mmCIF file of all heavy atoms, coordinates in Angstrom:
data_MODEL
# 
_entry.id   MODEL 
# 
loop_
_atom_site.group_PDB 
_atom_site.id 
_atom_site.type_symbol 
_atom_site.label_atom_id 
_atom_site.label_alt_id 
_atom_site.label_comp_id 
_atom_site.label_asym_id 
_atom_site.label_entity_id 
_atom_site.label_seq_id 
_atom_site.pdbx_PDB_ins_code 
_atom_site.Cartn_x 
_atom_site.Cartn_y 
_atom_site.Cartn_z 
_atom_site.occupancy 
_atom_site.B_iso_or_equiv 
_atom_site.pdbx_formal_charge 
_atom_site.auth_seq_id 
_atom_site.auth_comp_id 
_atom_site.auth_asym_id 
_atom_site.auth_atom_id 
_atom_site.pdbx_PDB_model_num 
ATOM 1   N N   . LYS A 1 1  ? 117.615 83.942 64.850 1.00 0.00 ? 1  LYS A N   1 
ATOM 2   C CA  . LYS A 1 1  ? 116.246 84.433 64.698 1.00 0.00 ? 1  LYS A CA  1 
ATOM 3   C C   . LYS A 1 1  ? 115.349 83.911 65.803 1.00 0.00 ? 1  LYS A C   1 
ATOM 4   O O   . LYS A 1 1  ? 115.598 82.868 66.390 1.00 0.00 ? 1  LYS A O   1 
ATOM 5   C CB  . LYS A 1 1  ? 115.682 83.984 63.349 1.00 0.00 ? 1  LYS A CB  1 
ATOM 6   C CG  . LYS A 1 1  ? 116.243 84.718 62.163 1.00 0.00 ? 1  LYS A CG  1 
ATOM 7   C CD  . LYS A 1 1  ? 115.725 84.158 60.855 1.00 0.00 ? 1  LYS A CD  1 
ATOM 8   C CE  . LYS A 1 1  ? 114.233 84.013 60.829 1.00 0.00 ? 1  LYS A CE  1 
ATOM 9   N NZ  . LYS A 1 1  ? 113.710 83.548 59.536 1.00 0.00 ? 1  LYS A NZ  1 
ATOM 10  N N   . LYS A 1 2  ? 114.272 84.658 66.039 1.00 0.00 ? 2  LYS A N   1 
ATOM 11  C CA  . LYS A 1 2  ? 113.256 84.225 66.985 1.00 0.00 ? 2  LYS A CA  1 
ATOM 12  C C   . LYS A 1 2  ? 112.014 83.801 66.206 1.00 0.00 ? 2  LYS A C   1 
ATOM 13  O O   . LYS A 1 2  ? 111.756 84.296 65.117 1.00 0.00 ? 2  LYS A O   1 
ATOM 14  C CB  . LYS A 1 2  ? 112.919 85.342 67.967 1.00 0.00 ? 2  LYS A CB  1 
ATOM 15  C CG  . LYS A 1 2  ? 114.064 85.645 68.911 1.00 0.00 ? 2  LYS A CG  1 
ATOM 16  C CD  . LYS A 1 2  ? 113.648 86.646 69.963 1.00 0.00 ? 2  LYS A CD  1 
ATOM 17  C CE  . LYS A 1 2  ? 114.782 86.854 70.951 1.00 0.00 ? 2  LYS A CE  1 
ATOM 18  N NZ  . LYS A 1 2  ? 114.355 87.705 72.061 1.00 0.00 ? 2  LYS A NZ  1 
ATOM 19  N N   . TYR A 1 3  ? 111.280 82.871 66.794 1.00 0.00 ? 3  TYR A N   1 
ATOM 20  C CA  . TYR A 1 3  ? 110.114 82.293 66.148 1.00 0.00 ? 3  TYR A CA  1 
ATOM 21  C C   . TYR A 1 3  ? 108.919 82.348 67.092 1.00 0.00 ? 3  TYR A C   1 
ATOM 22  O O   . TYR A 1 3  ? 109.093 82.389 68.308 1.00 0.00 ? 3  TYR A O   1 
ATOM 23  C CB  . TYR A 1 3  ? 110.391 80.829 65.778 1.00 0.00 ? 3  TYR A CB  1 
ATOM 24  C CG  . TYR A 1 3  ? 111.499 80.671 64.770 1.00 0.00 ? 3  TYR A CG  1 
ATOM 25  C CD1 . TYR A 1 3  ? 112.828 80.575 65.170 1.00 0.00 ? 3  TYR A CD1 1 
ATOM 26  C CD2 . TYR A 1 3  ? 111.222 80.629 63.414 1.00 0.00 ? 3  TYR A CD2 1 
ATOM 27  C CE1 . TYR A 1 3  ? 113.854 80.446 64.245 1.00 0.00 ? 3  TYR A CE1 1 
ATOM 28  C CE2 . TYR A 1 3  ? 112.238 80.496 62.483 1.00 0.00 ? 3  TYR A CE2 1 
ATOM 29  C CZ  . TYR A 1 3  ? 113.550 80.400 62.899 1.00 0.00 ? 3  TYR A CZ  1 
ATOM 30  O OH  . TYR A 1 3  ? 114.548 80.279 61.984 1.00 0.00 ? 3  TYR A OH  1 
ATOM 31  N N   . PRO A 1 4  ? 107.693 82.282 66.540 1.00 0.00 ? 4  PRO A N   1 
ATOM 32  C CA  . PRO A 1 4  ? 106.513 82.223 67.415 1.00 0.00 ? 4  PRO A CA  1 
ATOM 33  C C   . PRO A 1 4  ? 106.620 81.004 68.344 1.00 0.00 ? 4  PRO A C   1 
ATOM 34  O O   . PRO A 1 4  ? 107.024 79.919 67.914 1.00 0.00 ? 4  PRO A O   1 
ATOM 35  C CB  . PRO A 1 4  ? 105.341 82.077 66.446 1.00 0.00 ? 4  PRO A CB  1 
ATOM 36  C CG  . PRO A 1 4  ? 105.841 82.666 65.162 1.00 0.00 ? 4  PRO A CG  1 
ATOM 37  C CD  . PRO A 1 4  ? 107.312 82.337 65.127 1.00 0.00 ? 4  PRO A CD  1 
ATOM 38  N N   . ILE A 1 5  ? 106.275 81.210 69.593 1.00 0.00 ? 5  ILE A N   1 
ATOM 39  C CA  . ILE A 1 5  ? 106.454 80.156 70.595 1.00 0.00 ? 5  ILE A CA  1 
ATOM 40  C C   . ILE A 1 5  ? 105.696 78.882 70.230 1.00 0.00 ? 5  ILE A C   1 
ATOM 41  O O   . ILE A 1 5  ? 106.184 77.776 70.458 1.00 0.00 ? 5  ILE A O   1 
ATOM 42  C CB  . ILE A 1 5  ? 106.071 80.663 72.002 1.00 0.00 ? 5  ILE A CB  1 
ATOM 43  C CG1 . ILE A 1 5  ? 106.532 79.659 73.061 1.00 0.00 ? 5  ILE A CG1 1 
ATOM 44  C CG2 . ILE A 1 5  ? 104.596 80.979 72.098 1.00 0.00 ? 5  ILE A CG2 1 
ATOM 45  C CD1 . ILE A 1 5  ? 106.461 80.183 74.474 1.00 0.00 ? 5  ILE A CD1 1 
ATOM 46  N N   . GLN A 1 6  ? 104.510 79.019 69.616 1.00 0.00 ? 6  GLN A N   1 
ATOM 47  C CA  . GLN A 1 6  ? 103.763 77.816 69.276 1.00 0.00 ? 6  GLN A CA  1 
ATOM 48  C C   . GLN A 1 6  ? 104.467 77.008 68.182 1.00 0.00 ? 6  GLN A C   1 
ATOM 49  O O   . GLN A 1 6  ? 104.398 75.776 68.180 1.00 0.00 ? 6  GLN A O   1 
ATOM 50  C CB  . GLN A 1 6  ? 102.303 78.118 68.929 1.00 0.00 ? 6  GLN A CB  1 
ATOM 51  C CG  . GLN A 1 6  ? 102.076 79.061 67.792 1.00 0.00 ? 6  GLN A CG  1 
ATOM 52  C CD  . GLN A 1 6  ? 101.974 80.505 68.221 1.00 0.00 ? 6  GLN A CD  1 
ATOM 53  O OE1 . GLN A 1 6  ? 102.715 80.966 69.059 1.00 0.00 ? 6  GLN A OE1 1 
ATOM 54  N NE2 . GLN A 1 6  ? 101.057 81.226 67.619 1.00 0.00 ? 6  GLN A NE2 1 
ATOM 55  N N   . ASP A 1 7  ? 105.182 77.657 67.260 1.00 0.00 ? 7  ASP A N   1 
ATOM 56  C CA  . ASP A 1 7  ? 105.944 76.935 66.248 1.00 0.00 ? 7  ASP A CA  1 
ATOM 57  C C   . ASP A 1 7  ? 107.093 76.166 66.899 1.00 0.00 ? 7  ASP A C   1 
ATOM 58  O O   . ASP A 1 7  ? 107.382 75.028 66.526 1.00 0.00 ? 7  ASP A O   1 
ATOM 59  C CB  . ASP A 1 7  ? 106.507 77.897 65.196 1.00 0.00 ? 7  ASP A CB  1 
ATOM 60  C CG  . ASP A 1 7  ? 105.418 78.518 64.337 1.00 0.00 ? 7  ASP A CG  1 
ATOM 61  O OD1 . ASP A 1 7  ? 104.260 78.048 64.394 1.00 0.00 ? 7  ASP A OD1 1 
ATOM 62  O OD2 . ASP A 1 7  ? 105.725 79.492 63.620 1.00 0.00 ? 7  ASP A OD2 1 
ATOM 63  N N   . VAL A 1 8  ? 107.756 76.795 67.859 1.00 0.00 ? 8  VAL A N   1 
ATOM 64  C CA  . VAL A 1 8  ? 108.858 76.140 68.562 1.00 0.00 ? 8  VAL A CA  1 
ATOM 65  C C   . VAL A 1 8  ? 108.331 74.934 69.343 1.00 0.00 ? 8  VAL A C   1 
ATOM 66  O O   . VAL A 1 8  ? 108.929 73.851 69.314 1.00 0.00 ? 8  VAL A O   1 
ATOM 67  C CB  . VAL A 1 8  ? 109.592 77.132 69.497 1.00 0.00 ? 8  VAL A CB  1 
ATOM 68  C CG1 . VAL A 1 8  ? 110.642 76.418 70.343 1.00 0.00 ? 8  VAL A CG1 1 
ATOM 69  C CG2 . VAL A 1 8  ? 110.236 78.251 68.678 1.00 0.00 ? 8  VAL A CG2 1 
ATOM 70  N N   . LEU A 1 9  ? 107.206 75.100 70.026 1.00 0.00 ? 9  LEU A N   1 
ATOM 71  C CA  . LEU A 1 9  ? 106.624 73.978 70.765 1.00 0.00 ? 9  LEU A CA  1 
ATOM 72  C C   . LEU A 1 9  ? 106.302 72.808 69.838 1.00 0.00 ? 9  LEU A C   1 
ATOM 73  O O   . LEU A 1 9  ? 106.598 71.650 70.154 1.00 0.00 ? 9  LEU A O   1 
ATOM 74  C CB  . LEU A 1 9  ? 105.356 74.423 71.498 1.00 0.00 ? 9  LEU A CB  1 
ATOM 75  C CG  . LEU A 1 9  ? 105.558 75.287 72.736 1.00 0.00 ? 9  LEU A CG  1 
ATOM 76  C CD1 . LEU A 1 9  ? 104.224 75.866 73.191 1.00 0.00 ? 9  LEU A CD1 1 
ATOM 77  C CD2 . LEU A 1 9  ? 106.198 74.482 73.849 1.00 0.00 ? 9  LEU A CD2 1 
ATOM 78  N N   . ARG A 1 10 ? 105.712 73.106 68.684 1.00 0.00 ? 10 ARG A N   1 
ATOM 79  C CA  . ARG A 1 10 ? 105.374 72.026 67.746 1.00 0.00 ? 10 ARG A CA  1 
ATOM 80  C C   . ARG A 1 10 ? 106.627 71.348 67.195 1.00 0.00 ? 10 ARG A C   1 
ATOM 81  O O   . ARG A 1 10 ? 106.663 70.127 67.039 1.00 0.00 ? 10 ARG A O   1 
ATOM 82  C CB  . ARG A 1 10 ? 104.516 72.571 66.612 1.00 0.00 ? 10 ARG A CB  1 
ATOM 83  C CG  . ARG A 1 10 ? 103.103 72.879 67.026 1.00 0.00 ? 10 ARG A CG  1 
ATOM 84  C CD  . ARG A 1 10 ? 102.213 73.244 65.841 1.00 0.00 ? 10 ARG A CD  1 
ATOM 85  N NE  . ARG A 1 10 ? 100.897 73.595 66.309 1.00 0.00 ? 10 ARG A NE  1 
ATOM 86  C CZ  . ARG A 1 10 ? 100.460 74.853 66.452 1.00 0.00 ? 10 ARG A CZ  1 
ATOM 87  N NH1 . ARG A 1 10 ? 101.236 75.874 66.118 1.00 0.00 ? 10 ARG A NH1 1 
ATOM 88  N NH2 . ARG A 1 10 ? 99.247  75.092 66.906 1.00 0.00 ? 10 ARG A NH2 1 
ATOM 89  N N   . ASP A 1 11 ? 107.666 72.146 66.898 1.00 0.00 ? 11 ASP A N   1 
ATOM 90  C CA  . ASP A 1 11 ? 108.914 71.566 66.402 1.00 0.00 ? 11 ASP A CA  1 
ATOM 91  C C   . ASP A 1 11 ? 109.566 70.666 67.454 1.00 0.00 ? 11 ASP A C   1 
ATOM 92  O O   . ASP A 1 11 ? 110.054 69.583 67.135 1.00 0.00 ? 11 ASP A O   1 
ATOM 93  C CB  . ASP A 1 11 ? 109.903 72.662 65.995 1.00 0.00 ? 11 ASP A CB  1 
ATOM 94  C CG  . ASP A 1 11 ? 109.522 73.354 64.702 1.00 0.00 ? 11 ASP A CG  1 
ATOM 95  O OD1 . ASP A 1 11 ? 108.612 72.864 63.997 1.00 0.00 ? 11 ASP A OD1 1 
ATOM 96  O OD2 . ASP A 1 11 ? 110.128 74.394 64.398 1.00 0.00 ? 11 ASP A OD2 1 
ATOM 97  N N   . LEU A 1 12 ? 109.574 71.119 68.696 1.00 0.00 ? 12 LEU A N   1 
ATOM 98  C CA  . LEU A 1 12 ? 110.150 70.305 69.768 1.00 0.00 ? 12 LEU A CA  1 
ATOM 99  C C   . LEU A 1 12 ? 109.356 69.010 69.957 1.00 0.00 ? 12 LEU A C   1 
ATOM 100 O O   . LEU A 1 12 ? 109.934 67.942 70.174 1.00 0.00 ? 12 LEU A O   1 
ATOM 101 C CB  . LEU A 1 12 ? 110.198 71.093 71.075 1.00 0.00 ? 12 LEU A CB  1 
ATOM 102 C CG  . LEU A 1 12 ? 111.187 72.252 71.123 1.00 0.00 ? 12 LEU A CG  1 
ATOM 103 C CD1 . LEU A 1 12 ? 111.005 73.043 72.413 1.00 0.00 ? 12 LEU A CD1 1 
ATOM 104 C CD2 . LEU A 1 12 ? 112.616 71.759 70.991 1.00 0.00 ? 12 LEU A CD2 1 
ATOM 105 N N   . ALA A 1 13 ? 108.055 69.116 69.861 1.00 0.00 ? 13 ALA A N   1 
ATOM 106 C CA  . ALA A 1 13 ? 107.199 67.939 70.056 1.00 0.00 ? 13 ALA A CA  1 
ATOM 107 C C   . ALA A 1 13 ? 107.342 66.927 68.921 1.00 0.00 ? 13 ALA A C   1 
ATOM 108 O O   . ALA A 1 13 ? 107.137 65.731 69.132 1.00 0.00 ? 13 ALA A O   1 
ATOM 109 C CB  . ALA A 1 13 ? 105.743 68.373 70.189 1.00 0.00 ? 13 ALA A CB  1 
ATOM 110 N N   . SER A 1 14 ? 107.708 67.395 67.738 1.00 0.00 ? 14 SER A N   1 
ATOM 111 C CA  . SER A 1 14 ? 107.795 66.487 66.593 1.00 0.00 ? 14 SER A CA  1 
ATOM 112 C C   . SER A 1 14 ? 109.204 65.942 66.358 1.00 0.00 ? 14 SER A C   1 
ATOM 113 O O   . SER A 1 14 ? 109.452 65.306 65.336 1.00 0.00 ? 14 SER A O   1 
ATOM 114 C CB  . SER A 1 14 ? 107.291 67.193 65.333 1.00 0.00 ? 14 SER A CB  1 
ATOM 115 O OG  . SER A 1 14 ? 108.163 68.251 64.980 1.00 0.00 ? 14 SER A OG  1 
ATOM 116 N N   . GLN A 1 15 ? 110.105 66.153 67.311 1.00 0.00 ? 15 GLN A N   1 
ATOM 117 C CA  . GLN A 1 15 ? 111.457 65.621 67.186 1.00 0.00 ? 15 GLN A CA  1 
ATOM 118 C C   . GLN A 1 15 ? 111.428 64.097 67.090 1.00 0.00 ? 15 GLN A C   1 
ATOM 119 O O   . GLN A 1 15 ? 110.527 63.448 67.603 1.00 0.00 ? 15 GLN A O   1 
ATOM 120 C CB  . GLN A 1 15 ? 112.302 65.964 68.416 1.00 0.00 ? 15 GLN A CB  1 
ATOM 121 C CG  . GLN A 1 15 ? 112.672 67.386 68.583 1.00 0.00 ? 15 GLN A CG  1 
ATOM 122 C CD  . GLN A 1 15 ? 113.584 67.520 69.779 1.00 0.00 ? 15 GLN A CD  1 
ATOM 123 O OE1 . GLN A 1 15 ? 114.773 67.365 69.644 1.00 0.00 ? 15 GLN A OE1 1 
ATOM 124 N NE2 . GLN A 1 15 ? 113.013 67.784 70.938 1.00 0.00 ? 15 GLN A NE2 1 
ATOM 125 N N   . GLU A 1 16 ? 112.484 63.560 66.504 1.00 0.00 ? 16 GLU A N   1 
ATOM 126 C CA  . GLU A 1 16 ? 112.627 62.114 66.467 1.00 0.00 ? 16 GLU A CA  1 
ATOM 127 C C   . GLU A 1 16 ? 112.706 61.584 67.895 1.00 0.00 ? 16 GLU A C   1 
ATOM 128 O O   . GLU A 1 16 ? 113.371 62.176 68.741 1.00 0.00 ? 16 GLU A O   1 
ATOM 129 C CB  . GLU A 1 16 ? 113.898 61.753 65.701 1.00 0.00 ? 16 GLU A CB  1 
ATOM 130 C CG  . GLU A 1 16 ? 114.067 60.281 65.477 1.00 0.00 ? 16 GLU A CG  1 
ATOM 131 C CD  . GLU A 1 16 ? 115.290 59.976 64.635 1.00 0.00 ? 16 GLU A CD  1 
ATOM 132 O OE1 . GLU A 1 16 ? 115.885 60.901 64.072 1.00 0.00 ? 16 GLU A OE1 1 
ATOM 133 O OE2 . GLU A 1 16 ? 115.635 58.791 64.571 1.00 0.00 ? 16 GLU A OE2 1 
ATOM 134 N N   . HIS A 1 17 ? 112.028 60.523 68.165 1.00 0.00 ? 17 HIS A N   1 
ATOM 135 C CA  . HIS A 1 17 ? 111.931 59.896 69.489 1.00 0.00 ? 17 HIS A CA  1 
ATOM 136 C C   . HIS A 1 17 ? 111.177 60.770 70.482 1.00 0.00 ? 17 HIS A C   1 
ATOM 137 O O   . HIS A 1 17 ? 111.273 60.566 71.678 1.00 0.00 ? 17 HIS A O   1 
ATOM 138 C CB  . HIS A 1 17 ? 113.311 59.537 70.065 1.00 0.00 ? 17 HIS A CB  1 
ATOM 139 C CG  . HIS A 1 17 ? 114.119 58.673 69.174 1.00 0.00 ? 17 HIS A CG  1 
ATOM 140 N ND1 . HIS A 1 17 ? 113.747 57.388 68.846 1.00 0.00 ? 17 HIS A ND1 1 
ATOM 141 C CD2 . HIS A 1 17 ? 115.270 58.915 68.509 1.00 0.00 ? 17 HIS A CD2 1 
ATOM 142 C CE1 . HIS A 1 17 ? 114.646 56.867 68.032 1.00 0.00 ? 17 HIS A CE1 1 
ATOM 143 N NE2 . HIS A 1 17 ? 115.577 57.770 67.802 1.00 0.00 ? 17 HIS A NE2 1 
ATOM 144 N N   . GLY A 1 18 ? 110.476 61.762 69.986 1.00 0.00 ? 18 GLY A N   1 
ATOM 145 C CA  . GLY A 1 18 ? 109.684 62.611 70.877 1.00 0.00 ? 18 GLY A CA  1 
ATOM 146 C C   . GLY A 1 18 ? 108.253 62.102 70.897 1.00 0.00 ? 18 GLY A C   1 
ATOM 147 O O   . GLY A 1 18 ? 107.526 62.250 69.931 1.00 0.00 ? 18 GLY A O   1 
ATOM 148 N N   . GLY A 1 19 ? 107.878 61.525 71.966 1.00 0.00 ? 19 GLY A N   1 
ATOM 149 C CA  . GLY A 1 19 ? 106.528 61.004 72.060 1.00 0.00 ? 19 GLY A CA  1 
ATOM 150 C C   . GLY A 1 19 ? 106.080 60.973 73.502 1.00 0.00 ? 19 GLY A C   1 
ATOM 151 O O   . GLY A 1 19 ? 106.855 61.235 74.412 1.00 0.00 ? 19 GLY A O   1 
ATOM 152 N N   . GLY A 1 20 ? 104.841 60.685 73.681 1.00 0.00 ? 20 GLY A N   1 
ATOM 153 C CA  . GLY A 1 20 ? 104.320 60.581 75.031 1.00 0.00 ? 20 GLY A CA  1 
ATOM 154 C C   . GLY A 1 20 ? 103.629 61.844 75.479 1.00 0.00 ? 20 GLY A C   1 
ATOM 155 O O   . GLY A 1 20 ? 103.473 62.817 74.732 1.00 0.00 ? 20 GLY A O   1 
ATOM 156 N N   . VAL A 1 21 ? 103.219 61.811 76.725 1.00 0.00 ? 21 VAL A N   1 
ATOM 157 C CA  . VAL A 1 21 ? 102.409 62.883 77.298 1.00 0.00 ? 21 VAL A CA  1 
ATOM 158 C C   . VAL A 1 21 ? 103.078 64.258 77.226 1.00 0.00 ? 21 VAL A C   1 
ATOM 159 O O   . VAL A 1 21 ? 102.443 65.227 76.806 1.00 0.00 ? 21 VAL A O   1 
ATOM 160 C CB  . VAL A 1 21 ? 102.004 62.531 78.747 1.00 0.00 ? 21 VAL A CB  1 
ATOM 161 C CG1 . VAL A 1 21 ? 101.288 63.691 79.410 1.00 0.00 ? 21 VAL A CG1 1 
ATOM 162 C CG2 . VAL A 1 21 ? 101.117 61.295 78.764 1.00 0.00 ? 21 VAL A CG2 1 
ATOM 163 N N   . PRO A 1 22 ? 104.354 64.422 77.600 1.00 0.00 ? 22 PRO A N   1 
ATOM 164 C CA  . PRO A 1 22 ? 104.932 65.779 77.552 1.00 0.00 ? 22 PRO A CA  1 
ATOM 165 C C   . PRO A 1 22 ? 104.896 66.389 76.150 1.00 0.00 ? 22 PRO A C   1 
ATOM 166 O O   . PRO A 1 22 ? 104.639 67.577 75.993 1.00 0.00 ? 22 PRO A O   1 
ATOM 167 C CB  . PRO A 1 22 ? 106.374 65.577 78.015 1.00 0.00 ? 22 PRO A CB  1 
ATOM 168 C CG  . PRO A 1 22 ? 106.359 64.312 78.793 1.00 0.00 ? 22 PRO A CG  1 
ATOM 169 C CD  . PRO A 1 22 ? 105.302 63.454 78.157 1.00 0.00 ? 22 PRO A CD  1 
ATOM 170 N N   . TYR A 1 23 ? 105.128 65.564 75.141 1.00 0.00 ? 23 TYR A N   1 
ATOM 171 C CA  . TYR A 1 23 ? 105.133 66.066 73.772 1.00 0.00 ? 23 TYR A CA  1 
ATOM 172 C C   . TYR A 1 23 ? 103.718 66.375 73.301 1.00 0.00 ? 23 TYR A C   1 
ATOM 173 O O   . TYR A 1 23 ? 103.492 67.362 72.606 1.00 0.00 ? 23 TYR A O   1 
ATOM 174 C CB  . TYR A 1 23 ? 105.843 65.068 72.852 1.00 0.00 ? 23 TYR A CB  1 
ATOM 175 C CG  . TYR A 1 23 ? 107.290 64.910 73.233 1.00 0.00 ? 23 TYR A CG  1 
ATOM 176 C CD1 . TYR A 1 23 ? 107.704 63.916 74.115 1.00 0.00 ? 23 TYR A CD1 1 
ATOM 177 C CD2 . TYR A 1 23 ? 108.248 65.804 72.756 1.00 0.00 ? 23 TYR A CD2 1 
ATOM 178 C CE1 . TYR A 1 23 ? 109.028 63.796 74.495 1.00 0.00 ? 23 TYR A CE1 1 
ATOM 179 C CE2 . TYR A 1 23 ? 109.569 65.702 73.129 1.00 0.00 ? 23 TYR A CE2 1 
ATOM 180 C CZ  . TYR A 1 23 ? 109.960 64.692 73.995 1.00 0.00 ? 23 TYR A CZ  1 
ATOM 181 O OH  . TYR A 1 23 ? 111.264 64.594 74.373 1.00 0.00 ? 23 TYR A OH  1 
ATOM 182 N N   . ASP A 1 24 ? 102.777 65.531 73.701 1.00 0.00 ? 24 ASP A N   1 
ATOM 183 C CA  . ASP A 1 24 ? 101.376 65.809 73.379 1.00 0.00 ? 24 ASP A CA  1 
ATOM 184 C C   . ASP A 1 24 ? 100.930 67.110 74.032 1.00 0.00 ? 24 ASP A C   1 
ATOM 185 O O   . ASP A 1 24 ? 100.192 67.907 73.436 1.00 0.00 ? 24 ASP A O   1 
ATOM 186 C CB  . ASP A 1 24 ? 100.475 64.666 73.854 1.00 0.00 ? 24 ASP A CB  1 
ATOM 187 C CG  . ASP A 1 24 ? 100.724 63.361 73.112 1.00 0.00 ? 24 ASP A CG  1 
ATOM 188 O OD1 . ASP A 1 24 ? 101.335 63.410 72.024 1.00 0.00 ? 24 ASP A OD1 1 
ATOM 189 O OD2 . ASP A 1 24 ? 100.314 62.306 73.627 1.00 0.00 ? 24 ASP A OD2 1 
ATOM 190 N N   . GLN A 1 25 ? 101.389 67.352 75.251 1.00 0.00 ? 25 GLN A N   1 
ATOM 191 C CA  . GLN A 1 25 ? 101.018 68.583 75.949 1.00 0.00 ? 25 GLN A CA  1 
ATOM 192 C C   . GLN A 1 25 ? 101.611 69.817 75.269 1.00 0.00 ? 25 GLN A C   1 
ATOM 193 O O   . GLN A 1 25 ? 100.991 70.875 75.269 1.00 0.00 ? 25 GLN A O   1 
ATOM 194 C CB  . GLN A 1 25 ? 101.452 68.510 77.412 1.00 0.00 ? 25 GLN A CB  1 
ATOM 195 C CG  . GLN A 1 25 ? 100.617 67.537 78.213 1.00 0.00 ? 25 GLN A CG  1 
ATOM 196 C CD  . GLN A 1 25 ? 101.114 67.353 79.623 1.00 0.00 ? 25 GLN A CD  1 
ATOM 197 O OE1 . GLN A 1 25 ? 102.277 67.613 79.942 1.00 0.00 ? 25 GLN A OE1 1 
ATOM 198 N NE2 . GLN A 1 25 ? 100.235 66.890 80.497 1.00 0.00 ? 25 GLN A NE2 1 
ATOM 199 N N   . MET A 1 26 ? 102.803 69.690 74.672 1.00 0.00 ? 26 MET A N   1 
ATOM 200 C CA  . MET A 1 26 ? 103.381 70.818 73.934 1.00 0.00 ? 26 MET A CA  1 
ATOM 201 C C   . MET A 1 26 ? 102.511 71.186 72.735 1.00 0.00 ? 26 MET A C   1 
ATOM 202 O O   . MET A 1 26 ? 102.292 72.369 72.465 1.00 0.00 ? 26 MET A O   1 
ATOM 203 C CB  . MET A 1 26 ? 104.803 70.495 73.474 1.00 0.00 ? 26 MET A CB  1 
ATOM 204 C CG  . MET A 1 26 ? 105.836 70.579 74.566 1.00 0.00 ? 26 MET A CG  1 
ATOM 205 S SD  . MET A 1 26 ? 107.506 70.496 73.895 1.00 0.00 ? 26 MET A SD  1 
ATOM 206 C CE  . MET A 1 26 ? 107.873 68.790 74.183 1.00 0.00 ? 26 MET A CE  1 
ATOM 207 N N   . VAL A 1 27 ? 102.004 70.182 72.031 1.00 0.00 ? 27 VAL A N   1 
ATOM 208 C CA  . VAL A 1 27 ? 101.138 70.438 70.875 1.00 0.00 ? 27 VAL A CA  1 
ATOM 209 C C   . VAL A 1 27 ? 99.820  71.055 71.347 1.00 0.00 ? 27 VAL A C   1 
ATOM 210 O O   . VAL A 1 27 ? 99.320  72.008 70.736 1.00 0.00 ? 27 VAL A O   1 
ATOM 211 C CB  . VAL A 1 27 ? 100.900 69.143 70.068 1.00 0.00 ? 27 VAL A CB  1 
ATOM 212 C CG1 . VAL A 1 27 ? 99.862  69.368 68.979 1.00 0.00 ? 27 VAL A CG1 1 
ATOM 213 C CG2 . VAL A 1 27 ? 102.209 68.647 69.475 1.00 0.00 ? 27 VAL A CG2 1 
# 
């Protein structure tokens, strides 16, 4: 399935050990 890009960005940013500027920028 495909998902809205903003949902995918938020999911990627909220991964375990996902932190810092790149993840904040995804949100």
